Amino acid sequence: MPALFEKGKTYTFYFSREHDYINITGEVISYESPLVKIETDGLNRIINCSSAYFVEAVARREDLDIEDPAPVE
């Protein structure tokens, strides 16, 4: 089975917050389920994809330059 997140690919990760969502966009450095390490704005971040606050991750298509979509509810 292939890895859930592809190294070198950019994803936007969505997290729930009381009545809103926040998101973080970054390039995947490594993935060891349930943790994904991304680089964004010069920072390395670790995201726990098994967190109750994690909603979804959307892979960026390299050929498109679009705004962040709203997460699927």
Protein backbone atom coordinates (compact mmCIF):
# COMPACT_ATOMS: atom_id res chain seq x y z
CA MET A 1 0.00 0.00 0.00
CA PRO A 2 1.47 3.42 -0.95
CA ALA A 3 2.07 6.08 1.68
CA LEU A 4 -0.86 8.35 2.48
CA PHE A 5 1.23 11.50 1.89
CA GLU A 6 3.73 11.80 -0.95
CA LYS A 7 7.17 13.18 -0.05
CA GLY A 8 7.93 16.41 -1.93
CA LYS A 9 4.27 17.15 -2.67
CA THR A 10 2.47 20.19 -1.23
CA TYR A 11 -0.69 19.73 0.82
CA THR A 12 -3.08 22.01 2.65
CA PHE A 13 -4.05 20.54 6.04
CA TYR A 14 -7.37 21.62 7.59
CA PHE A 15 -8.16 21.61 11.31
CA SER A 16 -11.44 22.35 13.06
CA ARG A 17 -11.77 25.14 15.57
CA GLU A 18 -14.96 25.82 17.52
CA HIS A 19 -16.98 27.33 14.65
CA ASP A 20 -14.28 27.74 12.03
CA TYR A 21 -11.36 26.07 10.30
CA ILE A 22 -7.66 26.85 10.17
CA ASN A 23 -5.25 25.53 7.58
CA ILE A 24 -1.54 25.02 7.08
CA THR A 25 0.04 24.54 3.66
CA GLY A 26 3.43 22.92 3.29
CA GLU A 27 5.61 20.44 1.47
CA VAL A 28 5.83 16.93 2.93
CA ILE A 29 9.31 16.06 4.18
CA SER A 30 8.41 12.68 5.69
CA TYR A 31 5.44 10.59 6.77
CA GLU A 32 5.29 7.98 9.53
CA SER A 33 1.64 7.26 10.30
CA PRO A 34 -0.04 9.10 11.95
CA LEU A 35 2.60 11.87 11.86
CA VAL A 36 3.50 13.93 8.81
CA LYS A 37 6.43 16.37 8.81
CA ILE A 38 6.05 19.39 6.53
CA GLU A 39 8.12 22.46 5.67
CA THR A 40 6.27 25.75 5.47
CA ASP A 41 7.70 29.28 5.48
CA GLY A 42 11.10 28.00 6.61
CA LEU A 43 9.63 26.06 9.55
CA ASN A 44 9.39 22.30 10.01
CA ARG A 45 6.07 21.25 11.49
CA ILE A 46 4.80 17.89 12.70
CA ILE A 47 1.10 17.22 12.15
CA ASN A 48 -0.77 14.45 13.94
CA CYS A 49 -3.29 13.18 11.41
CA SER A 50 -5.06 11.09 14.08
CA SER A 51 -5.97 14.22 16.07
CA ALA A 52 -9.66 14.92 16.61
CA TYR A 53 -9.02 18.42 15.22
CA PHE A 54 -7.65 17.14 11.89
CA VAL A 55 -10.34 17.39 9.20
CA GLU A 56 -8.63 16.69 5.86
CA ALA A 57 -5.60 17.27 3.68
CA VAL A 58 -5.79 18.44 0.08
CA ALA A 59 -2.92 17.77 -2.32
CA ARG A 60 -1.86 20.67 -4.51
CA ARG A 61 -1.82 20.12 -8.24
CA GLU A 62 1.43 21.45 -9.60
CA ASP A 63 -0.19 22.77 -12.77
CA LEU A 64 -2.79 24.91 -10.98
CA ASP A 65 -2.49 28.08 -8.93
CA ILE A 66 -5.74 28.24 -6.99
CA GLU A 67 -6.89 29.67 -3.68
CA ASP A 68 -7.33 27.38 -0.68
CA PRO A 69 -10.64 25.55 -0.98
CA ALA A 70 -12.94 25.28 2.02
CA PRO A 71 -12.78 21.85 3.67
CA VAL A 72 -15.47 19.31 2.88
CA GLU A 73 -17.97 18.92 5.72
